[in-house]
PDB file of N, CA and C in Angstrom:
ATOM      1  N   MET A   1       0.820  -0.887  -0.119  1.00  0.00           N
ATOM      2  CA  MET A   1      -0.087   0.153  -0.229  1.00  0.00           C
ATOM      3  C   MET A   1       0.565   1.263  -0.108  1.00  0.00           C
ATOM      4  N   LYS A   2       0.249   2.139  -0.717  1.00  0.00           N
ATOM      5  CA  LYS A   2       0.913   3.764  -0.843  1.00  0.00           C
ATOM      6  C   LYS A   2       1.268   4.133   0.600  1.00  0.00           C
ATOM      7  N   ASP A   3       2.671   4.633   1.230  1.00  0.00           N
ATOM      8  CA  ASP A   3       2.438   5.284   2.164  1.00  0.00           C
ATOM      9  C   ASP A   3       2.518   4.550   3.306  1.00  0.00           C
ATOM     10  N   VAL A   4       2.898   3.371   3.207  1.00  0.00           N
ATOM     11  CA  VAL A   4       2.729   2.197   4.597  1.00  0.00           C
ATOM     12  C   VAL A   4       4.131   1.455   4.043  1.00  0.00           C
ATOM     13  N   ASN A   5       4.779   1.725   5.270  1.00  0.00           N
ATOM     14  CA  ASN A   5       6.202   0.861   5.598  1.00  0.00           C
ATOM     15  C   ASN A   5       5.912   0.412   7.044  1.00  0.00           C
ATOM     16  N   LYS A   6       7.382  -0.248   7.270  1.00  0.00           N
ATOM     17  CA  LYS A   6       7.517  -0.894   8.495  1.00  0.00           C
ATOM     18  C   LYS A   6       7.702   0.340  10.019  1.00  0.00           C
ATOM     19  N   SER A   7       7.861   1.646   9.353  1.00  0.00           N
ATOM     20  CA  SER A   7       7.635   2.328  10.480  1.00  0.00           C
ATOM     21  C   SER A   7       6.189   2.787  10.683  1.00  0.00           C
ATOM     22  N   THR A   8       5.515   2.885   9.773  1.00  0.00           N
ATOM     23  CA  THR A   8       4.028   3.214  10.091  1.00  0.00           C
ATOM     24  C   THR A   8       3.301   2.011  10.712  1.00  0.00           C
ATOM     25  N   ALA A   9       3.938   0.624  10.317  1.00  0.00           N
ATOM     26  CA  ALA A   9       3.154  -0.399  11.125  1.00  0.00           C
ATOM     27  C   ALA A   9       3.393  -0.510  12.313  1.00  0.00           C
ATOM     28  N   VAL A  10       5.066  -0.032  12.928  1.00  0.00           N
ATOM     29  CA  VAL A  10       5.502   0.275  14.254  1.00  0.00           C
ATOM     30  C   VAL A  10       4.006   0.904  14.892  1.00  0.00           C
ATOM     31  N   GLN A  11       4.376   2.182  14.374  1.00  0.00           N
ATOM     32  CA  GLN A  11       3.776   3.523  14.832  1.00  0.00           C
ATOM     33  C   GLN A  11       2.076   2.591  15.058  1.00  0.00           C
ATOM     34  N   PHE A  12       1.522   2.038  14.185  1.00  0.00           N
ATOM     35  CA  PHE A  12       0.143   1.860  14.071  1.00  0.00           C
ATOM     36  C   PHE A  12      -0.368   0.551  15.508  1.00  0.00           C
ATOM     37  N   VAL A  13       0.850  -0.279  15.816  1.00  0.00           N
ATOM     38  CA  VAL A  13       0.838  -1.078  16.692  1.00  0.00           C
ATOM     39  C   VAL A  13       0.986  -0.224  18.128  1.00  0.00           C
ATOM     40  N   LEU A  14       1.844   0.413  18.209  1.00  0.00           N
ATOM     41  CA  LEU A  14       2.120   1.448  19.221  1.00  0.00           C
ATOM     42  C   LEU A  14       0.539   2.398  19.667  1.00  0.00           C
ATOM     43  N   GLN A  15       0.474   2.381  18.799  1.00  0.00           N
ATOM     44  CA  GLN A  15      -1.001   3.409  18.817  1.00  0.00           C
ATOM     45  C   GLN A  15      -2.198   2.528  19.469  1.00  0.00           C
ATOM     46  N   TYR A  16      -2.357   1.583  18.885  1.00  0.00           N
ATOM     47  CA  TYR A  16      -3.258   0.329  19.247  1.00  0.00           C
ATOM     48  C   TYR A  16      -3.097   0.101  20.513  1.00  0.00           C
ATOM     49  N   LEU A  17      -2.115  -0.310  21.087  1.00  0.00           N
ATOM     50  CA  LEU A  17      -1.774  -0.818  22.359  1.00  0.00           C
ATOM     51  C   LEU A  17      -1.398   0.378  23.083  1.00  0.00           C
ATOM     52  N   GLU A  18      -1.792   1.813  22.868  1.00  0.00           N
ATOM     53  CA  GLU A  18      -1.619   2.567  23.738  1.00  0.00           C
ATOM     54  C   GLU A  18      -0.307   2.804  24.294  1.00  0.00           C
ATOM     55  N   LYS A  19       0.911   2.667  23.749  1.00  0.00           N
ATOM     56  CA  LYS A  19       2.161   2.500  24.218  1.00  0.00           C
ATOM     57  C   LYS A  19       3.026   3.446  23.588  1.00  0.00           C
ATOM     58  N   ASP A  20       4.049   3.849  23.987  1.00  0.00           N
ATOM     59  CA  ASP A  20       5.012   4.869  23.270  1.00  0.00           C
ATOM     60  C   ASP A  20       6.423   3.710  23.084  1.00  0.00           C
ATOM     61  N   LYS A  21       7.211   4.466  22.302  1.00  0.00           N
ATOM     62  CA  LYS A  21       8.390   3.500  21.977  1.00  0.00           C
ATOM     63  C   LYS A  21       9.466   3.220  22.937  1.00  0.00           C
ATOM     64  N   THR A  22       8.931   3.651  24.099  1.00  0.00           N
ATOM     65  CA  THR A  22       9.923   3.377  25.005  1.00  0.00           C
ATOM     66  C   THR A  22      11.028   2.102  25.167  1.00  0.00           C
ATOM     67  N   ASN A  23      10.088   1.222  25.135  1.00  0.00           N
ATOM     68  CA  ASN A  23      10.484   0.137  25.257  1.00  0.00           C
ATOM     69  C   ASN A  23      10.343  -1.137  24.187  1.00  0.00           C
ATOM     70  N   THR A  24      10.934  -0.315  23.046  1.00  0.00           N
ATOM     71  CA  THR A  24      10.902  -1.101  21.301  1.00  0.00           C
ATOM     72  C   THR A  24      12.106  -1.479  20.868  1.00  0.00           C
ATOM     73  N   MET A  25      12.110  -2.272  20.343  1.00  0.00           N
ATOM     74  CA  MET A  25      13.288  -3.015  19.419  1.00  0.00           C
ATOM     75  C   MET A  25      12.798  -3.551  18.214  1.00  0.00           C
ATOM     76  N   ALA A  26      13.672  -3.202  17.195  1.00  0.00           N
ATOM     77  CA  ALA A  26      13.490  -4.143  15.927  1.00  0.00           C
ATOM     78  C   ALA A  26      14.720  -4.267  15.353  1.00  0.00           C
ATOM     79  N   TYR A  27      14.599  -5.394  14.738  1.00  0.00           N
ATOM     80  CA  TYR A  27      15.759  -5.770  14.106  1.00  0.00           C
ATOM     81  C   TYR A  27      15.650  -5.862  12.292  1.00  0.00           C
ATOM     82  N   GLY A  28      16.937  -5.559  11.575  1.00  0.00           N
ATOM     83  CA  GLY A  28      16.740  -5.233  10.607  1.00  0.00           C
ATOM     84  C   GLY A  28      18.267  -5.405   9.824  1.00  0.00           C
ATOM     85  N   ASP A  29      18.019  -5.684   8.222  1.00  0.00           N
ATOM     86  CA  ASP A  29      19.320  -5.747   7.533  1.00  0.00           C
ATOM     87  C   ASP A  29      19.384  -5.107   6.226  1.00  0.00           C
ATOM     88  N   GLY A  30      18.575  -4.413   6.099  1.00  0.00           N
ATOM     89  CA  GLY A  30      18.493  -3.523   4.626  1.00  0.00           C
ATOM     90  C   GLY A  30      18.013  -1.852   4.963  1.00  0.00           C
ATOM     91  N   ASN A  31      18.332  -1.197   3.857  1.00  0.00           N
ATOM     92  CA  ASN A  31      17.931   0.246   4.068  1.00  0.00           C
ATOM     93  C   ASN A  31      16.098   0.419   4.171  1.00  0.00           C
ATOM     94  N   ASN A  32      15.729  -0.865   4.026  1.00  0.00           N
ATOM     95  CA  ASN A  32      14.042  -0.591   4.041  1.00  0.00           C
ATOM     96  C   ASN A  32      13.671  -0.740   5.518  1.00  0.00           C
ATOM     97  N   ASP A  33      14.435  -0.877   6.193  1.00  0.00           N
ATOM     98  CA  ASP A  33      14.595  -0.923   7.817  1.00  0.00           C
ATOM     99  C   ASP A  33      14.839   0.406   8.163  1.00  0.00           C
ATOM    100  N   LEU A  34      15.571   1.380   7.594  1.00  0.00           N
ATOM    101  CA  LEU A  34      15.945   2.744   8.289  1.00  0.00           C
ATOM    102  C   LEU A  34      14.661   3.514   8.897  1.00  0.00           C
ATOM    103  N   LYS A  35      13.780   3.542   8.060  1.00  0.00           N
ATOM    104  CA  LYS A  35      12.363   4.284   8.806  1.00  0.00           C
ATOM    105  C   LYS A  35      12.150   3.086   9.923  1.00  0.00           C
ATOM    106  N   MET A  36      11.973   2.108  10.224  1.00  0.00           N
ATOM    107  CA  MET A  36      11.589   1.294  11.096  1.00  0.00           C
ATOM    108  C   MET A  36      12.184   1.621  12.156  1.00  0.00           C
ATOM    109  N   PHE A  37      13.506   1.677  12.003  1.00  0.00           N
ATOM    110  CA  PHE A  37      14.758   1.932  13.233  1.00  0.00           C
ATOM    111  C   PHE A  37      14.355   3.446  13.831  1.00  0.00           C
ATOM    112  N   GLU A  38      13.892   4.286  13.033  1.00  0.00           N
ATOM    113  CA  GLU A  38      13.518   5.561  13.515  1.00  0.00           C
ATOM    114  C   GLU A  38      12.417   5.647  14.156  1.00  0.00           C
ATOM    115  N   ALA A  39      11.477   4.606  14.113  1.00  0.00           N
ATOM    116  CA  ALA A  39      10.051   4.610  14.977  1.00  0.00           C
ATOM    117  C   ALA A  39      10.489   3.816  16.308  1.00  0.00           C
ATOM    118  N   VAL A  40      11.586   2.997  16.553  1.00  0.00           N
ATOM    119  CA  VAL A  40      11.505   2.482  17.566  1.00  0.00           C
ATOM    120  C   VAL A  40      12.893   3.144  18.443  1.00  0.00           C
ATOM    121  N   ALA A  41      12.548   2.471  19.873  1.00  0.00           N
ATOM    122  CA  ALA A  41      14.303   3.277  20.654  1.00  0.00           C
ATOM    123  C   ALA A  41      15.490   2.434  20.461  1.00  0.00           C
ATOM    124  N   TYR A  42      15.312   1.249  19.808  1.00  0.00           N
ATOM    125  CA  TYR A  42      16.597   0.363  19.937  1.00  0.00           C
ATOM    126  C   TYR A  42      16.589  -0.411  18.699  1.00  0.00           C
ATOM    127  N   GLY A  43      17.681   0.112  17.503  1.00  0.00           N
ATOM    128  CA  GLY A  43      17.595  -0.580  16.487  1.00  0.00           C
ATOM    129  C   GLY A  43      18.866  -1.605  16.342  1.00  0.00           C
ATOM    130  N   VAL A  44      18.246  -2.756  16.041  1.00  0.00           N
ATOM    131  CA  VAL A  44      19.648  -3.995  16.074  1.00  0.00           C
ATOM    132  C   VAL A  44      19.691  -4.245  14.504  1.00  0.00           C
ATOM    133  N   ALA A  45      21.131  -4.016  13.891  1.00  0.00           N
ATOM    134  CA  ALA A  45      21.301  -4.790  12.766  1.00  0.00           C
ATOM    135  C   ALA A  45      22.081  -5.830  12.703  1.00  0.00           C
ATOM    136  N   MET A  46      21.438  -6.725  11.883  1.00  0.00           N
ATOM    137  CA  MET A  46      22.139  -8.088  11.627  1.00  0.00           C
ATOM    138  C   MET A  46      23.099  -7.630  10.856  1.00  0.00           C
ATOM    139  N   GLU A  47      24.624  -8.514  11.102  1.00  0.00           N
ATOM    140  CA  GLU A  47      25.673  -8.617  10.814  1.00  0.00           C
ATOM    141  C   GLU A  47      25.823  -8.079   9.318  1.00  0.00           C
ATOM    142  N   ASN A  48      24.719  -9.008   8.277  1.00  0.00           N
ATOM    143  CA  ASN A  48      25.055  -8.871   7.082  1.00  0.00           C
ATOM    144  C   ASN A  48      24.078  -7.634   6.361  1.00  0.00           C
ATOM    145  N   ALA A  49      24.023  -6.549   7.577  1.00  0.00           N
ATOM    146  CA  ALA A  49      23.142  -5.194   7.070  1.00  0.00           C
ATOM    147  C   ALA A  49      23.770  -4.492   6.218  1.00  0.00           C
ATOM    148  N   SER A  50      22.858  -3.464   5.529  1.00  0.00           N
ATOM    149  CA  SER A  50      23.750  -2.408   4.708  1.00  0.00           C
ATOM    150  C   SER A  50      24.448  -2.003   5.576  1.00  0.00           C
ATOM    151  N   GLU A  51      25.795  -0.955   5.347  1.00  0.00           N
ATOM    152  CA  GLU A  51      26.502  -0.121   5.723  1.00  0.00           C
ATOM    153  C   GLU A  51      25.535   1.091   6.664  1.00  0.00           C
ATOM    154  N   GLU A  52      24.651   1.463   5.577  1.00  0.00           N
ATOM    155  CA  GLU A  52      23.955   2.647   6.057  1.00  0.00           C
ATOM    156  C   GLU A  52      22.961   2.400   7.205  1.00  0.00           C
ATOM    157  N   LEU A  53      22.452   1.345   7.157  1.00  0.00           N
ATOM    158  CA  LEU A  53      21.689   0.628   8.445  1.00  0.00           C
ATOM    159  C   LEU A  53      22.597   0.479   9.592  1.00  0.00           C
ATOM    160  N   LYS A  54      23.832  -0.340   9.346  1.00  0.00           N
ATOM    161  CA  LYS A  54      24.704  -0.522  10.746  1.00  0.00           C
ATOM    162  C   LYS A  54      24.835   0.992  11.430  1.00  0.00           C
ATOM    163  N   LYS A  55      25.072   1.952  10.549  1.00  0.00           N
ATOM    164  CA  LYS A  55      25.695   2.916  10.959  1.00  0.00           C
ATOM    165  C   LYS A  55      24.435   4.051  11.996  1.00  0.00           C
ATOM    166  N   VAL A  56      23.094   3.756  11.829  1.00  0.00           N
ATOM    167  CA  VAL A  56      22.019   4.086  12.752  1.00  0.00           C
ATOM    168  C   VAL A  56      21.501   3.187  13.903  1.00  0.00           C
ATOM    169  N   ALA A  57      22.095   1.557  13.866  1.00  0.00           N
ATOM    170  CA  ALA A  57      21.918   1.017  14.976  1.00  0.00           C
ATOM    171  C   ALA A  57      22.463   1.162  16.232  1.00  0.00           C
ATOM    172  N   LYS A  58      21.782   0.728  17.085  1.00  0.00           N
ATOM    173  CA  LYS A  58      22.349   0.780  18.278  1.00  0.00           C
ATOM    174  C   LYS A  58      23.016  -0.685  18.663  1.00  0.00           C
ATOM    175  N   GLU A  59      22.933  -1.516  18.126  1.00  0.00           N
ATOM    176  CA  GLU A  59      23.883  -2.749  18.127  1.00  0.00           C
ATOM    177  C   GLU A  59      23.809  -3.560  16.677  1.00  0.00           C
ATOM    178  N   ILE A  60      24.966  -4.116  16.771  1.00  0.00           N
ATOM    179  CA  ILE A  60      25.014  -5.246  15.545  1.00  0.00           C
ATOM    180  C   ILE A  60      25.146  -6.652  16.288  1.00  0.00           C
ATOM    181  N   THR A  61      24.100  -7.809  15.580  1.00  0.00           N
ATOM    182  CA  THR A  61      24.433  -8.686  16.209  1.00  0.00           C
ATOM    183  C   THR A  61      24.794  -9.901  14.910  1.00  0.00           C
ATOM    184  N   PRO A  62      24.778 -10.993  15.250  1.00  0.00           N
ATOM    185  CA  PRO A  62      25.069 -11.996  14.099  1.00  0.00           C
ATOM    186  C   PRO A  62      24.120 -12.485  13.209  1.00  0.00           C
ATOM    187  N   ILE A  63      24.259 -12.953  11.924  1.00  0.00           N
ATOM    188  CA  ILE A  63      23.532 -12.984  11.102  1.00  0.00           C
ATOM    189  C   ILE A  63      22.228 -14.153  11.531  1.00  0.00           C
ATOM    190  N   ALA A  64      21.125 -14.273  11.206  1.00  0.00           N
ATOM    191  CA  ALA A  64      20.065 -14.849  11.844  1.00  0.00           C
ATOM    192  C   ALA A  64      20.534 -16.711  11.834  1.00  0.00           C
ATOM    193  N   GLU A  65      21.255 -17.140  10.878  1.00  0.00           N
ATOM    194  CA  GLU A  65      21.721 -18.257  10.518  1.00  0.00           C
ATOM    195  C   GLU A  65      22.742 -18.984  11.751  1.00  0.00           C
ATOM    196  N   GLU A  66      23.422 -17.714  12.391  1.00  0.00           N
ATOM    197  CA  GLU A  66      24.175 -17.956  13.638  1.00  0.00           C
ATOM    198  C   GLU A  66      23.475 -17.409  14.967  1.00  0.00           C
ATOM    199  N   ASP A  67      22.257 -17.448  15.086  1.00  0.00           N
ATOM    200  CA  ASP A  67      21.533 -17.333  15.856  1.00  0.00           C
ATOM    201  C   ASP A  67      21.608 -15.627  16.438  1.00  0.00           C
ATOM    202  N   GLY A  68      21.597 -14.867  15.775  1.00  0.00           N
ATOM    203  CA  GLY A  68      21.865 -13.574  16.115  1.00  0.00           C
ATOM    204  C   GLY A  68      20.914 -12.686  16.890  1.00  0.00           C
ATOM    205  N   ILE A  69      19.530 -13.037  16.589  1.00  0.00           N
ATOM    206  CA  ILE A  69      18.516 -12.710  17.174  1.00  0.00           C
ATOM    207  C   ILE A  69      18.265 -13.311  18.828  1.00  0.00           C
ATOM    208  N   PHE A  70      18.449 -14.215  19.063  1.00  0.00           N
ATOM    209  CA  PHE A  70      18.189 -14.919  20.140  1.00  0.00           C
ATOM    210  C   PHE A  70      19.863 -14.717  21.131  1.00  0.00           C
ATOM    211  N   LYS A  71      21.323 -14.084  20.219  1.00  0.00           N
ATOM    212  CA  LYS A  71      21.860 -13.921  20.990  1.00  0.00           C
ATOM    213  C   LYS A  71      21.793 -12.233  21.414  1.00  0.00           C
ATOM    214  N   SER A  72      21.315 -11.884  20.605  1.00  0.00           N
ATOM    215  CA  SER A  72      20.417 -10.224  21.075  1.00  0.00           C
ATOM    216  C   SER A  72      19.657 -10.326  22.460  1.00  0.00           C
ATOM    217  N   PHE A  73      18.904 -11.136  22.190  1.00  0.00           N
ATOM    218  CA  PHE A  73      17.854 -11.426  23.384  1.00  0.00           C
ATOM    219  C   PHE A  73      18.487 -11.208  24.604  1.00  0.00           C
ATOM    220  N   LYS A  74      19.867 -12.508  24.476  1.00  0.00           N
ATOM    221  CA  LYS A  74      20.359 -12.788  25.643  1.00  0.00           C
ATOM    222  C   LYS A  74      21.210 -11.557  26.468  1.00  0.00           C
ATOM    223  N   VAL A  75      21.759 -10.647  25.085  1.00  0.00           N
ATOM    224  CA  VAL A  75      22.756  -9.818  25.622  1.00  0.00           C
ATOM    225  C   VAL A  75      21.906  -8.569  25.951  1.00  0.00           C
ATOM    226  N   ASN A  76      20.631  -8.334  25.884  1.00  0.00           N
ATOM    227  CA  ASN A  76      19.542  -7.405  26.170  1.00  0.00           C
ATOM    228  C   ASN A  76      18.562  -7.802  27.566  1.00  0.00           C
ATOM    229  N   GLY A  77      18.924  -8.824  28.087  1.00  0.00           N
ATOM    230  CA  GLY A  77      18.387  -9.449  29.068  1.00  0.00           C
ATOM    231  C   GLY A  77      16.560  -9.710  28.982  1.00  0.00           C
ATOM    232  N   LEU A  78      16.307 -10.078  27.476  1.00  0.00           N
ATOM    233  CA  LEU A  78      14.657 -10.684  27.262  1.00  0.00           C
ATOM    234  C   LEU A  78      14.645 -12.259  27.524  1.00  0.00           C
ATOM    235  N   ILE A  79      15.594 -13.241  27.811  1.00  0.00           N
ATOM    236  CA  ILE A  79      15.525 -14.219  27.905  1.00  0.00           C
ATOM    237  C   ILE A  79      16.751 -14.603  28.876  1.00  0.00           C
TER     238      ILE A  79
END
């Protein structure tokens, strides 16, 4: 849909849940994730992410095949 992207989806969910972005995280690997990172408090780029996304990420984690999201969850005390 025109004008709908990952950022607008995050904003929609936060509005629906009546929450702010204080405790939000997003994971991405491409430039299409740049706006989503702006919509959350903590953006995590995968190791194979674009250089532009890595520059704005708060953390870089290994690729999915190397359990990157799991490792990031552990680092951030989510599990």
